[in-house]
Amino acid sequence: MIVIKNSQLNNETVAALNELIDMDINAKLAFRLMRIIKEVSSLVEDKLKLEKKIFDKYLEKDEQGNPIQAQDENGNSIPGAVRISDVDSFNKEMFDLMSIENTVEYEKVNFDELNLTTAKIKDLIKIEFLFS
Protein backbone atom coordinates (compact mmCIF):
# COMPACT_ATOMS: atom_id res chain seq x y z
CA MET A 1 0.00 0.00 0.00
CA ILE A 2 1.26 3.46 -0.90
CA VAL A 3 0.51 6.42 1.36
CA ILE A 4 0.85 9.88 -0.18
CA LYS A 5 0.32 13.21 1.54
CA ASN A 6 -1.44 15.91 -0.45
CA SER A 7 1.67 18.06 0.02
CA GLN A 8 3.50 15.55 -2.24
CA LEU A 9 0.92 15.78 -5.02
CA ASN A 10 1.10 18.15 -7.96
CA ASN A 11 1.32 18.04 -11.74
CA GLU A 12 5.09 17.52 -11.51
CA THR A 13 4.45 14.31 -9.56
CA VAL A 14 2.40 12.91 -12.44
CA ALA A 15 5.01 14.09 -14.96
CA ALA A 16 7.78 12.30 -13.03
CA LEU A 17 5.71 9.09 -12.97
CA ASN A 18 5.12 9.40 -16.71
CA GLU A 19 8.89 9.74 -17.20
CA LEU A 20 9.33 6.33 -15.55
CA ILE A 21 6.84 4.71 -17.90
CA ASP A 22 8.66 6.18 -20.90
CA MET A 23 11.86 4.44 -19.79
CA ASP A 24 12.75 0.89 -20.75
CA ILE A 25 11.20 -1.07 -17.86
CA ASN A 26 9.50 -4.45 -17.86
CA ALA A 27 5.89 -4.63 -19.02
CA LYS A 28 4.50 -5.92 -15.71
CA LEU A 29 5.99 -3.02 -13.78
CA ALA A 30 4.98 -0.52 -16.48
CA PHE A 31 1.38 -1.71 -16.27
CA ARG A 32 1.38 -1.37 -12.46
CA LEU A 33 2.84 2.12 -12.76
CA MET A 34 0.15 3.11 -15.26
CA ARG A 35 -2.55 2.03 -12.79
CA ILE A 36 -0.84 3.98 -10.01
CA ILE A 37 -0.57 7.05 -12.27
CA LYS A 38 -4.32 6.95 -12.92
CA GLU A 39 -5.05 7.03 -9.20
CA VAL A 40 -2.41 9.66 -8.44
CA SER A 41 -3.65 11.84 -11.33
CA SER A 42 -7.16 11.75 -9.89
CA LEU A 43 -5.82 12.69 -6.44
CA VAL A 44 -3.82 15.58 -7.92
CA GLU A 45 -6.88 16.85 -9.80
CA ASP A 46 -9.06 16.76 -6.67
CA LYS A 47 -6.37 18.43 -4.56
CA LEU A 48 -5.89 21.23 -7.11
CA LYS A 49 -9.65 21.85 -7.25
CA LEU A 50 -9.78 22.20 -3.45
CA GLU A 51 -6.72 24.47 -3.42
CA LYS A 52 -8.45 26.75 -5.92
CA LYS A 53 -11.68 26.70 -3.89
CA ILE A 54 -9.82 27.70 -0.72
CA PHE A 55 -7.85 30.36 -2.60
CA ASP A 56 -11.03 31.82 -4.14
CA LYS A 57 -12.75 31.81 -0.73
CA TYR A 58 -10.13 34.13 0.79
CA LEU A 59 -9.09 36.14 -2.27
CA GLU A 60 -9.96 39.83 -1.95
CA LYS A 61 -11.56 41.26 -5.10
CA ASP A 62 -12.45 44.75 -6.27
CA GLU A 63 -15.92 45.88 -7.40
CA GLN A 64 -15.37 44.35 -10.85
CA GLY A 65 -14.43 40.98 -9.35
CA ASN A 66 -10.73 41.32 -10.11
CA PRO A 67 -8.15 40.20 -7.53
CA ILE A 68 -6.68 43.03 -5.47
CA GLN A 69 -2.91 43.13 -5.74
CA ALA A 70 -0.96 42.90 -2.48
CA GLN A 71 1.19 45.82 -1.41
CA ASP A 72 4.29 46.07 0.73
CA GLU A 73 4.55 48.25 3.83
CA ASN A 74 5.41 51.26 1.61
CA GLY A 75 2.29 50.87 -0.51
CA ASN A 76 4.13 49.46 -3.52
CA SER A 77 2.42 46.70 -5.46
CA ILE A 78 3.99 43.26 -5.09
CA PRO A 79 4.11 41.66 -8.55
CA GLY A 80 2.24 38.35 -8.74
CA ALA A 81 0.84 38.65 -5.20
CA VAL A 82 -2.78 39.16 -4.19
CA ARG A 83 -4.50 40.13 -0.96
CA ILE A 84 -5.98 37.42 1.22
CA SER A 85 -8.87 38.44 3.47
CA ASP A 86 -8.07 36.17 6.44
CA VAL A 87 -4.51 34.90 6.25
CA ASP A 88 -4.73 32.75 9.40
CA SER A 89 -7.86 30.93 8.24
CA PHE A 90 -6.44 30.59 4.73
CA ASN A 91 -3.21 29.09 6.08
CA LYS A 92 -5.09 26.72 8.38
CA GLU A 93 -7.32 25.40 5.59
CA MET A 94 -4.37 24.98 3.24
CA PHE A 95 -2.34 23.25 5.96
CA ASP A 96 -5.25 20.91 6.67
CA LEU A 97 -5.58 20.12 2.96
CA MET A 98 -1.86 19.46 2.56
CA SER A 99 -1.80 17.21 5.63
CA ILE A 100 -4.36 14.74 4.27
CA GLU A 101 -2.91 11.29 3.61
CA ASN A 102 -4.18 9.30 0.64
CA THR A 103 -3.90 5.56 0.21
CA VAL A 104 -3.25 3.94 -3.15
CA GLU A 105 -4.00 0.22 -3.03
CA TYR A 106 -0.85 -0.93 -4.82
CA GLU A 107 2.39 -2.23 -3.39
CA LYS A 108 5.36 0.09 -3.38
CA VAL A 109 7.89 -0.46 -6.14
CA ASN A 110 11.28 -1.93 -5.36
CA PHE A 111 13.61 0.54 -7.04
CA ASP A 112 15.90 -2.28 -8.24
CA GLU A 113 12.96 -3.73 -10.24
CA LEU A 114 13.15 -0.72 -12.54
CA ASN A 115 16.66 -1.68 -13.74
CA LEU A 116 17.31 1.93 -14.68
CA THR A 117 20.69 2.87 -16.05
CA THR A 118 19.95 6.58 -15.56
CA ALA A 119 17.40 8.60 -13.63
CA LYS A 120 16.91 12.26 -12.82
CA ILE A 121 17.16 12.91 -9.11
CA LYS A 122 14.71 15.82 -9.40
CA ASP A 123 12.09 13.36 -10.73
CA LEU A 124 12.85 10.65 -8.15
CA ILE A 125 12.47 13.12 -5.29
CA LYS A 126 8.93 13.95 -6.48
CA ILE A 127 7.90 10.30 -6.39
CA GLU A 128 9.90 8.91 -3.47
CA PHE A 129 6.61 7.78 -1.87
CA LEU A 130 6.43 5.12 -4.60
CA PHE A 131 9.54 3.18 -3.59
CA SER A 132 10.11 0.67 -0.82
C-alpha atoms as a PDB file:
ATOM      1  CA  MET A   1       0.000   0.000   0.000  1.00  0.00           C
ATOM      2  CA  ILE A   2       1.265   3.459  -0.902  1.00  0.00           C
ATOM      3  CA  VAL A   3       0.513   6.420   1.362  1.00  0.00           C
ATOM      4  CA  ILE A   4       0.852   9.875  -0.183  1.00  0.00           C
ATOM      5  CA  LYS A   5       0.318  13.213   1.540  1.00  0.00           C
ATOM      6  CA  ASN A   6      -1.437  15.913  -0.448  1.00  0.00           C
ATOM      7  CA  SER A   7       1.672  18.059   0.019  1.00  0.00           C
ATOM      8  CA  GLN A   8       3.498  15.555  -2.237  1.00  0.00           C
ATOM      9  CA  LEU A   9       0.925  15.782  -5.020  1.00  0.00           C
ATOM     10  CA  ASN A  10       1.096  18.155  -7.965  1.00  0.00           C
ATOM     11  CA  ASN A  11       1.325  18.043 -11.743  1.00  0.00           C
ATOM     12  CA  GLU A  12       5.092  17.524 -11.506  1.00  0.00           C
ATOM     13  CA  THR A  13       4.449  14.306  -9.557  1.00  0.00           C
ATOM     14  CA  VAL A  14       2.404  12.909 -12.440  1.00  0.00           C
ATOM     15  CA  ALA A  15       5.014  14.091 -14.959  1.00  0.00           C
ATOM     16  CA  ALA A  16       7.778  12.297 -13.030  1.00  0.00           C
ATOM     17  CA  LEU A  17       5.705   9.094 -12.967  1.00  0.00           C
ATOM     18  CA  ASN A  18       5.120   9.399 -16.711  1.00  0.00           C
ATOM     19  CA  GLU A  19       8.892   9.739 -17.205  1.00  0.00           C
ATOM     20  CA  LEU A  20       9.327   6.334 -15.550  1.00  0.00           C
ATOM     21  CA  ILE A  21       6.843   4.710 -17.905  1.00  0.00           C
ATOM     22  CA  ASP A  22       8.664   6.177 -20.903  1.00  0.00           C
ATOM     23  CA  MET A  23      11.862   4.435 -19.787  1.00  0.00           C
ATOM     24  CA  ASP A  24      12.749   0.892 -20.747  1.00  0.00           C
ATOM     25  CA  ILE A  25      11.195  -1.069 -17.856  1.00  0.00           C
ATOM     26  CA  ASN A  26       9.503  -4.453 -17.857  1.00  0.00           C
ATOM     27  CA  ALA A  27       5.888  -4.631 -19.019  1.00  0.00           C
ATOM     28  CA  LYS A  28       4.497  -5.924 -15.707  1.00  0.00           C
ATOM     29  CA  LEU A  29       5.987  -3.020 -13.776  1.00  0.00           C
ATOM     30  CA  ALA A  30       4.978  -0.518 -16.477  1.00  0.00           C
ATOM     31  CA  PHE A  31       1.381  -1.713 -16.266  1.00  0.00           C
ATOM     32  CA  ARG A  32       1.377  -1.373 -12.461  1.00  0.00           C
ATOM     33  CA  LEU A  33       2.839   2.121 -12.756  1.00  0.00           C
ATOM     34  CA  MET A  34       0.145   3.109 -15.263  1.00  0.00           C
ATOM     35  CA  ARG A  35      -2.545   2.035 -12.786  1.00  0.00           C
ATOM     36  CA  ILE A  36      -0.837   3.982 -10.006  1.00  0.00           C
ATOM     37  CA  ILE A  37      -0.573   7.049 -12.265  1.00  0.00           C
ATOM     38  CA  LYS A  38      -4.324   6.955 -12.919  1.00  0.00           C
ATOM     39  CA  GLU A  39      -5.045   7.031  -9.200  1.00  0.00           C
ATOM     40  CA  VAL A  40      -2.412   9.657  -8.443  1.00  0.00           C
ATOM     41  CA  SER A  41      -3.652  11.840 -11.335  1.00  0.00           C
ATOM     42  CA  SER A  42      -7.156  11.748  -9.887  1.00  0.00           C
ATOM     43  CA  LEU A  43      -5.822  12.692  -6.444  1.00  0.00           C
ATOM     44  CA  VAL A  44      -3.822  15.578  -7.924  1.00  0.00           C
ATOM     45  CA  GLU A  45      -6.876  16.848  -9.803  1.00  0.00           C
ATOM     46  CA  ASP A  46      -9.058  16.761  -6.671  1.00  0.00           C
ATOM     47  CA  LYS A  47      -6.372  18.432  -4.560  1.00  0.00           C
ATOM     48  CA  LEU A  48      -5.887  21.230  -7.111  1.00  0.00           C
ATOM     49  CA  LYS A  49      -9.655  21.852  -7.248  1.00  0.00           C
ATOM     50  CA  LEU A  50      -9.782  22.197  -3.452  1.00  0.00           C
ATOM     51  CA  GLU A  51      -6.722  24.469  -3.420  1.00  0.00           C
ATOM     52  CA  LYS A  52      -8.449  26.754  -5.922  1.00  0.00           C
ATOM     53  CA  LYS A  53     -11.676  26.700  -3.893  1.00  0.00           C
ATOM     54  CA  ILE A  54      -9.816  27.701  -0.718  1.00  0.00           C
ATOM     55  CA  PHE A  55      -7.854  30.362  -2.602  1.00  0.00           C
ATOM     56  CA  ASP A  56     -11.027  31.820  -4.144  1.00  0.00           C
ATOM     57  CA  LYS A  57     -12.750  31.811  -0.734  1.00  0.00           C
ATOM     58  CA  TYR A  58     -10.126  34.126   0.789  1.00  0.00           C
ATOM     59  CA  LEU A  59      -9.087  36.140  -2.269  1.00  0.00           C
ATOM     60  CA  GLU A  60      -9.955  39.835  -1.952  1.00  0.00           C
ATOM     61  CA  LYS A  61     -11.556  41.263  -5.097  1.00  0.00           C
ATOM     62  CA  ASP A  62     -12.455  44.749  -6.265  1.00  0.00           C
ATOM     63  CA  GLU A  63     -15.924  45.878  -7.397  1.00  0.00           C
ATOM     64  CA  GLN A  64     -15.367  44.354 -10.853  1.00  0.00           C
ATOM     65  CA  GLY A  65     -14.429  40.985  -9.348  1.00  0.00           C
ATOM     66  CA  ASN A  66     -10.729  41.320 -10.115  1.00  0.00           C
ATOM     67  CA  PRO A  67      -8.148  40.204  -7.531  1.00  0.00           C
ATOM     68  CA  ILE A  68      -6.680  43.027  -5.470  1.00  0.00           C
ATOM     69  CA  GLN A  69      -2.909  43.129  -5.745  1.00  0.00           C
ATOM     70  CA  ALA A  70      -0.959  42.898  -2.484  1.00  0.00           C
ATOM     71  CA  GLN A  71       1.189  45.816  -1.411  1.00  0.00           C
ATOM     72  CA  ASP A  72       4.291  46.066   0.727  1.00  0.00           C
ATOM     73  CA  GLU A  73       4.554  48.252   3.831  1.00  0.00           C
ATOM     74  CA  ASN A  74       5.414  51.260   1.611  1.00  0.00           C
ATOM     75  CA  GLY A  75       2.288  50.870  -0.506  1.00  0.00           C
ATOM     76  CA  ASN A  76       4.135  49.460  -3.523  1.00  0.00           C
ATOM     77  CA  SER A  77       2.416  46.697  -5.462  1.00  0.00           C
ATOM     78  CA  ILE A  78       3.993  43.264  -5.091  1.00  0.00           C
ATOM     79  CA  PRO A  79       4.108  41.664  -8.553  1.00  0.00           C
ATOM     80  CA  GLY A  80       2.243  38.352  -8.740  1.00  0.00           C
ATOM     81  CA  ALA A  81       0.845  38.650  -5.202  1.00  0.00           C
ATOM     82  CA  VAL A  82      -2.778  39.164  -4.187  1.00  0.00           C
ATOM     83  CA  ARG A  83      -4.503  40.135  -0.961  1.00  0.00           C
ATOM     84  CA  ILE A  84      -5.978  37.419   1.224  1.00  0.00           C
ATOM     85  CA  SER A  85      -8.872  38.438   3.472  1.00  0.00           C
ATOM     86  CA  ASP A  86      -8.075  36.170   6.443  1.00  0.00           C
ATOM     87  CA  VAL A  87      -4.509  34.898   6.251  1.00  0.00           C
ATOM     88  CA  ASP A  88      -4.732  32.754   9.405  1.00  0.00           C
ATOM     89  CA  SER A  89      -7.860  30.925   8.242  1.00  0.00           C
ATOM     90  CA  PHE A  90      -6.443  30.587   4.728  1.00  0.00           C
ATOM     91  CA  ASN A  91      -3.211  29.091   6.081  1.00  0.00           C
ATOM     92  CA  LYS A  92      -5.091  26.719   8.381  1.00  0.00           C
ATOM     93  CA  GLU A  93      -7.322  25.404   5.593  1.00  0.00           C
ATOM     94  CA  MET A  94      -4.366  24.977   3.242  1.00  0.00           C
ATOM     95  CA  PHE A  95      -2.344  23.246   5.965  1.00  0.00           C
ATOM     96  CA  ASP A  96      -5.255  20.907   6.666  1.00  0.00           C
ATOM     97  CA  LEU A  97      -5.584  20.121   2.958  1.00  0.00           C
ATOM     98  CA  MET A  98      -1.855  19.464   2.557  1.00  0.00           C
ATOM     99  CA  SER A  99      -1.801  17.208   5.631  1.00  0.00           C
ATOM    100  CA  ILE A 100      -4.363  14.744   4.266  1.00  0.00           C
ATOM    101  CA  GLU A 101      -2.907  11.294   3.614  1.00  0.00           C
ATOM    102  CA  ASN A 102      -4.179   9.296   0.638  1.00  0.00           C
ATOM    103  CA  THR A 103      -3.895   5.559   0.209  1.00  0.00           C
ATOM    104  CA  VAL A 104      -3.250   3.940  -3.151  1.00  0.00           C
ATOM    105  CA  GLU A 105      -3.995   0.219  -3.026  1.00  0.00           C
ATOM    106  CA  TYR A 106      -0.850  -0.926  -4.818  1.00  0.00           C
ATOM    107  CA  GLU A 107       2.388  -2.226  -3.394  1.00  0.00           C
ATOM    108  CA  LYS A 108       5.362   0.090  -3.376  1.00  0.00           C
ATOM    109  CA  VAL A 109       7.892  -0.464  -6.136  1.00  0.00           C
ATOM    110  CA  ASN A 110      11.277  -1.931  -5.360  1.00  0.00           C
ATOM    111  CA  PHE A 111      13.608   0.538  -7.041  1.00  0.00           C
ATOM    112  CA  ASP A 112      15.897  -2.276  -8.242  1.00  0.00           C
ATOM    113  CA  GLU A 113      12.963  -3.726 -10.235  1.00  0.00           C
ATOM    114  CA  LEU A 114      13.152  -0.720 -12.542  1.00  0.00           C
ATOM    115  CA  ASN A 115      16.657  -1.685 -13.741  1.00  0.00           C
ATOM    116  CA  LEU A 116      17.309   1.929 -14.679  1.00  0.00           C
ATOM    117  CA  THR A 117      20.692   2.875 -16.050  1.00  0.00           C
ATOM    118  CA  THR A 118      19.949   6.580 -15.561  1.00  0.00           C
ATOM    119  CA  ALA A 119      17.399   8.595 -13.629  1.00  0.00           C
ATOM    120  CA  LYS A 120      16.911  12.257 -12.824  1.00  0.00           C
ATOM    121  CA  ILE A 121      17.162  12.913  -9.108  1.00  0.00           C
ATOM    122  CA  LYS A 122      14.709  15.818  -9.402  1.00  0.00           C
ATOM    123  CA  ASP A 123      12.094  13.356 -10.725  1.00  0.00           C
ATOM    124  CA  LEU A 124      12.847  10.654  -8.154  1.00  0.00           C
ATOM    125  CA  ILE A 125      12.465  13.121  -5.293  1.00  0.00           C
ATOM    126  CA  LYS A 126       8.928  13.950  -6.482  1.00  0.00           C
ATOM    127  CA  ILE A 127       7.901  10.296  -6.391  1.00  0.00           C
ATOM    128  CA  GLU A 128       9.897   8.915  -3.474  1.00  0.00           C
ATOM    129  CA  PHE A 129       6.613   7.779  -1.874  1.00  0.00           C
ATOM    130  CA  LEU A 130       6.434   5.115  -4.603  1.00  0.00           C
ATOM    131  CA  PHE A 131       9.536   3.180  -3.594  1.00  0.00           C
ATOM    132  CA  SER A 132      10.108   0.668  -0.821  1.00  0.00           C
END
